[in-house]
Amino acid sequence: MRTILAVLALVLAITGCTGKNNAQTQQKNDAEPLCTPAPVRHTEWEEQAKAIAGRVDGIDEVAAVHIDKDLNLAIKVSNFNRFRLESIEKEVSGKLKEAFPDSKIHVTSDKKLFMDLQAMSGAPWPTDVKEACQKKKASKKLEKKMKG
């Protein structure tokens, strides 16, 4: 009876350990498609986007991050201009779509997202592929928050 329990415990331990390794392998494989070509940040396009958005009446500050083909832009609107917030966002989005037709453009006026994008914009882009991939993932998280 003891030998049967010992063998059963050994079999359970072996099968339990192999399942975790497969899960870790799947997680690594899922993360790779996002970063197969190394993510590139386009700082010159960010500056162009900031200039275009800054020309719109009612905008106080702009923060932008352009990674690969995703342009995330946050605007700071204050005082009575907040009543026209929706129309300001649409105007900025329209002008950016004309200037960057190949990019996916996301515009927000959320204050927390503005601060997050400003911090990401001010940080230097890493040369290491893994760190660049992490930055791109952080950008994707912000993008999801912008959508909804």
C-alpha atoms as a PDB file:
ATOM      1  CA  MET A   1       0.000   0.000   0.000  1.00  0.00           C
ATOM      2  CA  ARG A   2       2.838   2.387   0.855  1.00  0.00           C
ATOM      3  CA  THR A   3       4.616   1.676  -2.424  1.00  0.00           C
ATOM      4  CA  ILE A   4       1.450   2.421  -4.396  1.00  0.00           C
ATOM      5  CA  LEU A   5       1.049   5.767  -2.602  1.00  0.00           C
ATOM      6  CA  ALA A   6       4.719   6.586  -3.136  1.00  0.00           C
ATOM      7  CA  VAL A   7       4.520   5.793  -6.859  1.00  0.00           C
ATOM      8  CA  LEU A   8       1.266   7.766  -7.185  1.00  0.00           C
ATOM      9  CA  ALA A   9       2.792  10.787  -5.409  1.00  0.00           C
ATOM     10  CA  LEU A  10       5.860  10.602  -7.666  1.00  0.00           C
ATOM     11  CA  VAL A  11       3.720  10.476 -10.821  1.00  0.00           C
ATOM     12  CA  LEU A  12       1.621  13.448  -9.664  1.00  0.00           C
ATOM     13  CA  ALA A  13       4.730  15.473  -8.850  1.00  0.00           C
ATOM     14  CA  ILE A  14       6.259  14.799 -12.265  1.00  0.00           C
ATOM     15  CA  THR A  15       3.091  15.626 -14.217  1.00  0.00           C
ATOM     16  CA  GLY A  16       2.440  18.732 -12.127  1.00  0.00           C
ATOM     17  CA  CYS A  17       5.880  20.162 -12.880  1.00  0.00           C
ATOM     18  CA  THR A  18       5.673  19.612 -16.633  1.00  0.00           C
ATOM     19  CA  GLY A  19       2.396  21.560 -16.956  1.00  0.00           C
ATOM     20  CA  LYS A  20       3.993  24.738 -15.565  1.00  0.00           C
ATOM     21  CA  ASN A  21       6.842  24.622 -18.071  1.00  0.00           C
ATOM     22  CA  ASN A  22       4.384  24.472 -20.977  1.00  0.00           C
ATOM     23  CA  ALA A  23       2.494  27.471 -19.615  1.00  0.00           C
ATOM     24  CA  GLN A  24       5.704  29.497 -19.348  1.00  0.00           C
ATOM     25  CA  THR A  25       6.687  28.531 -22.894  1.00  0.00           C
ATOM     26  CA  GLN A  26       3.281  29.621 -24.200  1.00  0.00           C
ATOM     27  CA  GLN A  27       3.573  32.988 -22.429  1.00  0.00           C
ATOM     28  CA  LYS A  28       6.972  33.602 -24.014  1.00  0.00           C
ATOM     29  CA  ASN A  29       5.610  32.703 -27.455  1.00  0.00           C
ATOM     30  CA  ASP A  30       2.608  35.021 -26.986  1.00  0.00           C
ATOM     31  CA  ALA A  31       4.866  37.978 -26.142  1.00  0.00           C
ATOM     32  CA  GLU A  32       7.127  37.592 -29.192  1.00  0.00           C
ATOM     33  CA  PRO A  33       4.743  38.628 -32.026  1.00  0.00           C
ATOM     34  CA  LEU A  34       4.399  42.127 -30.556  1.00  0.00           C
ATOM     35  CA  CYS A  35       8.164  42.646 -30.757  1.00  0.00           C
ATOM     36  CA  THR A  36       9.275  40.539 -33.716  1.00  0.00           C
ATOM     37  CA  PRO A  37      10.626  43.581 -35.492  1.00  0.00           C
ATOM     38  CA  ALA A  38      12.300  45.696 -32.826  1.00  0.00           C
ATOM     39  CA  PRO A  39       9.951  48.550 -31.808  1.00  0.00           C
ATOM     40  CA  VAL A  40      11.032  51.950 -33.119  1.00  0.00           C
ATOM     41  CA  ARG A  41      10.114  55.301 -31.596  1.00  0.00           C
ATOM     42  CA  HIS A  42       9.742  58.194 -34.040  1.00  0.00           C
ATOM     43  CA  THR A  43      10.649  61.311 -32.057  1.00  0.00           C
ATOM     44  CA  GLU A  44      10.624  63.613 -35.096  1.00  0.00           C
ATOM     45  CA  TRP A  45       7.013  62.602 -35.834  1.00  0.00           C
ATOM     46  CA  GLU A  46       6.142  63.159 -32.176  1.00  0.00           C
ATOM     47  CA  GLU A  47       7.392  66.733 -32.449  1.00  0.00           C
ATOM     48  CA  GLN A  48       5.383  67.250 -35.644  1.00  0.00           C
ATOM     49  CA  ALA A  49       2.245  65.901 -33.956  1.00  0.00           C
ATOM     50  CA  LYS A  50       2.799  68.161 -30.941  1.00  0.00           C
ATOM     51  CA  ALA A  51       3.164  71.182 -33.227  1.00  0.00           C
ATOM     52  CA  ILE A  52      -0.001  70.319 -35.179  1.00  0.00           C
ATOM     53  CA  ALA A  53      -2.054  69.757 -32.027  1.00  0.00           C
ATOM     54  CA  GLY A  54      -0.601  72.843 -30.347  1.00  0.00           C
ATOM     55  CA  ARG A  55      -1.972  75.059 -33.134  1.00  0.00           C
ATOM     56  CA  VAL A  56      -5.566  74.091 -32.285  1.00  0.00           C
ATOM     57  CA  ASP A  57      -7.330  76.795 -30.308  1.00  0.00           C
ATOM     58  CA  GLY A  58      -7.969  75.875 -26.670  1.00  0.00           C
ATOM     59  CA  ILE A  59      -5.089  73.444 -26.108  1.00  0.00           C
ATOM     60  CA  ASP A  60      -2.620  74.347 -23.362  1.00  0.00           C
ATOM     61  CA  GLU A  61      -0.171  71.408 -23.489  1.00  0.00           C
ATOM     62  CA  VAL A  62       0.437  68.323 -25.620  1.00  0.00           C
ATOM     63  CA  ALA A  63       2.205  65.012 -24.931  1.00  0.00           C
ATOM     64  CA  ALA A  64       2.838  62.512 -27.723  1.00  0.00           C
ATOM     65  CA  VAL A  65       4.455  59.107 -28.149  1.00  0.00           C
ATOM     66  CA  HIS A  66       4.833  57.530 -31.605  1.00  0.00           C
ATOM     67  CA  ILE A  67       5.979  53.895 -31.536  1.00  0.00           C
ATOM     68  CA  ASP A  68       5.996  51.975 -34.821  1.00  0.00           C
ATOM     69  CA  LYS A  69       2.659  52.958 -36.416  1.00  0.00           C
ATOM     70  CA  ASP A  70       0.807  53.932 -33.222  1.00  0.00           C
ATOM     71  CA  LEU A  71       0.539  57.625 -32.350  1.00  0.00           C
ATOM     72  CA  ASN A  72      -0.760  58.258 -28.835  1.00  0.00           C
ATOM     73  CA  LEU A  73      -1.451  61.899 -28.094  1.00  0.00           C
ATOM     74  CA  ALA A  74      -2.777  63.510 -24.920  1.00  0.00           C
ATOM     75  CA  ILE A  75      -3.965  67.095 -24.752  1.00  0.00           C
ATOM     76  CA  LYS A  76      -4.422  69.386 -21.785  1.00  0.00           C
ATOM     77  CA  VAL A  77      -7.432  71.663 -22.041  1.00  0.00           C
ATOM     78  CA  SER A  78      -8.384  74.031 -19.242  1.00  0.00           C
ATOM     79  CA  ASN A  79     -11.001  76.559 -18.170  1.00  0.00           C
ATOM     80  CA  PHE A  80     -13.960  77.245 -20.449  1.00  0.00           C
ATOM     81  CA  ASN A  81     -12.412  75.311 -23.321  1.00  0.00           C
ATOM     82  CA  ARG A  82     -13.395  72.112 -21.492  1.00  0.00           C
ATOM     83  CA  PHE A  83     -16.971  72.740 -22.682  1.00  0.00           C
ATOM     84  CA  ARG A  84     -15.711  72.209 -26.244  1.00  0.00           C
ATOM     85  CA  LEU A  85     -13.595  69.201 -25.310  1.00  0.00           C
ATOM     86  CA  GLU A  86     -15.205  66.714 -27.682  1.00  0.00           C
ATOM     87  CA  SER A  87     -14.968  69.027 -30.693  1.00  0.00           C
ATOM     88  CA  ILE A  88     -11.349  69.873 -29.851  1.00  0.00           C
ATOM     89  CA  GLU A  89     -10.448  66.157 -29.717  1.00  0.00           C
ATOM     90  CA  LYS A  90     -12.160  65.551 -33.077  1.00  0.00           C
ATOM     91  CA  GLU A  91     -10.386  68.511 -34.659  1.00  0.00           C
ATOM     92  CA  VAL A  92      -6.978  67.333 -33.412  1.00  0.00           C
ATOM     93  CA  SER A  93      -7.686  63.777 -34.525  1.00  0.00           C
ATOM     94  CA  GLY A  94      -8.731  64.945 -38.001  1.00  0.00           C
ATOM     95  CA  LYS A  95      -5.629  67.095 -38.486  1.00  0.00           C
ATOM     96  CA  LEU A  96      -3.359  64.276 -37.313  1.00  0.00           C
ATOM     97  CA  LYS A  97      -5.027  61.771 -39.651  1.00  0.00           C
ATOM     98  CA  GLU A  98      -4.283  64.119 -42.553  1.00  0.00           C
ATOM     99  CA  ALA A  99      -0.652  64.523 -41.485  1.00  0.00           C
ATOM    100  CA  PHE A 100      -0.062  60.846 -40.614  1.00  0.00           C
ATOM    101  CA  PRO A 101      -2.322  58.735 -42.869  1.00  0.00           C
ATOM    102  CA  ASP A 102      -0.441  55.467 -42.211  1.00  0.00           C
ATOM    103  CA  SER A 103      -0.535  55.739 -38.404  1.00  0.00           C
ATOM    104  CA  LYS A 104      -3.161  54.627 -35.918  1.00  0.00           C
ATOM    105  CA  ILE A 105      -4.041  57.770 -33.995  1.00  0.00           C
ATOM    106  CA  HIS A 106      -5.397  57.866 -30.447  1.00  0.00           C
ATOM    107  CA  VAL A 107      -6.250  61.207 -28.817  1.00  0.00           C
ATOM    108  CA  THR A 108      -7.266  61.696 -25.190  1.00  0.00           C
ATOM    109  CA  SER A 109      -7.788  64.554 -22.791  1.00  0.00           C
ATOM    110  CA  ASP A 110      -7.686  62.469 -19.608  1.00  0.00           C
ATOM    111  CA  LYS A 111      -5.390  64.104 -17.048  1.00  0.00           C
ATOM    112  CA  LYS A 112      -3.891  60.859 -15.704  1.00  0.00           C
ATOM    113  CA  LEU A 113      -3.182  59.549 -19.198  1.00  0.00           C
ATOM    114  CA  PHE A 114      -1.677  62.947 -20.052  1.00  0.00           C
ATOM    115  CA  MET A 115       0.769  62.615 -17.145  1.00  0.00           C
ATOM    116  CA  ASP A 116       1.604  59.004 -18.108  1.00  0.00           C
ATOM    117  CA  LEU A 117       2.232  59.938 -21.743  1.00  0.00           C
ATOM    118  CA  GLN A 118       4.280  62.951 -20.687  1.00  0.00           C
ATOM    119  CA  ALA A 119       6.481  60.695 -18.533  1.00  0.00           C
ATOM    120  CA  MET A 120       6.850  58.171 -21.362  1.00  0.00           C
ATOM    121  CA  SER A 121       7.609  60.952 -23.821  1.00  0.00           C
ATOM    122  CA  GLY A 122      10.339  62.404 -21.601  1.00  0.00           C
ATOM    123  CA  ALA A 123      12.075  59.069 -21.013  1.00  0.00           C
ATOM    124  CA  PRO A 124      14.816  58.082 -23.473  1.00  0.00           C
ATOM    125  CA  TRP A 125      14.106  55.148 -25.788  1.00  0.00           C
ATOM    126  CA  PRO A 126      16.139  52.066 -24.757  1.00  0.00           C
ATOM    127  CA  THR A 127      18.546  50.444 -27.186  1.00  0.00           C
ATOM    128  CA  ASP A 128      17.969  46.968 -25.730  1.00  0.00           C
ATOM    129  CA  VAL A 129      15.237  45.041 -27.581  1.00  0.00           C
ATOM    130  CA  LYS A 130      13.706  43.596 -24.396  1.00  0.00           C
ATOM    131  CA  GLU A 131      13.413  47.009 -22.756  1.00  0.00           C
ATOM    132  CA  ALA A 132      12.015  48.496 -25.969  1.00  0.00           C
ATOM    133  CA  CYS A 133       9.463  45.689 -26.038  1.00  0.00           C
ATOM    134  CA  GLN A 134       8.451  46.496 -22.456  1.00  0.00           C
ATOM    135  CA  LYS A 135       8.027  50.165 -23.384  1.00  0.00           C
ATOM    136  CA  LYS A 136       5.848  49.172 -26.334  1.00  0.00           C
ATOM    137  CA  LYS A 137       3.709  46.999 -24.041  1.00  0.00           C
ATOM    138  CA  ALA A 138       3.310  49.953 -21.668  1.00  0.00           C
ATOM    139  CA  SER A 139       2.273  52.082 -24.637  1.00  0.00           C
ATOM    140  CA  LYS A 140      -0.304  49.463 -25.644  1.00  0.00           C
ATOM    141  CA  LYS A 141      -1.728  49.499 -22.096  1.00  0.00           C
ATOM    142  CA  LEU A 142      -2.116  53.276 -22.279  1.00  0.00           C
ATOM    143  CA  GLU A 143      -3.715  52.880 -25.689  1.00  0.00           C
ATOM    144  CA  LYS A 144      -6.290  50.471 -24.251  1.00  0.00           C
ATOM    145  CA  LYS A 145      -7.085  52.952 -21.483  1.00  0.00           C
ATOM    146  CA  MET A 146      -7.588  55.647 -24.119  1.00  0.00           C
ATOM    147  CA  LYS A 147     -10.135  53.517 -25.941  1.00  0.00           C
ATOM    148  CA  GLY A 148     -12.288  53.027 -23.023  1.00  0.00           C
END
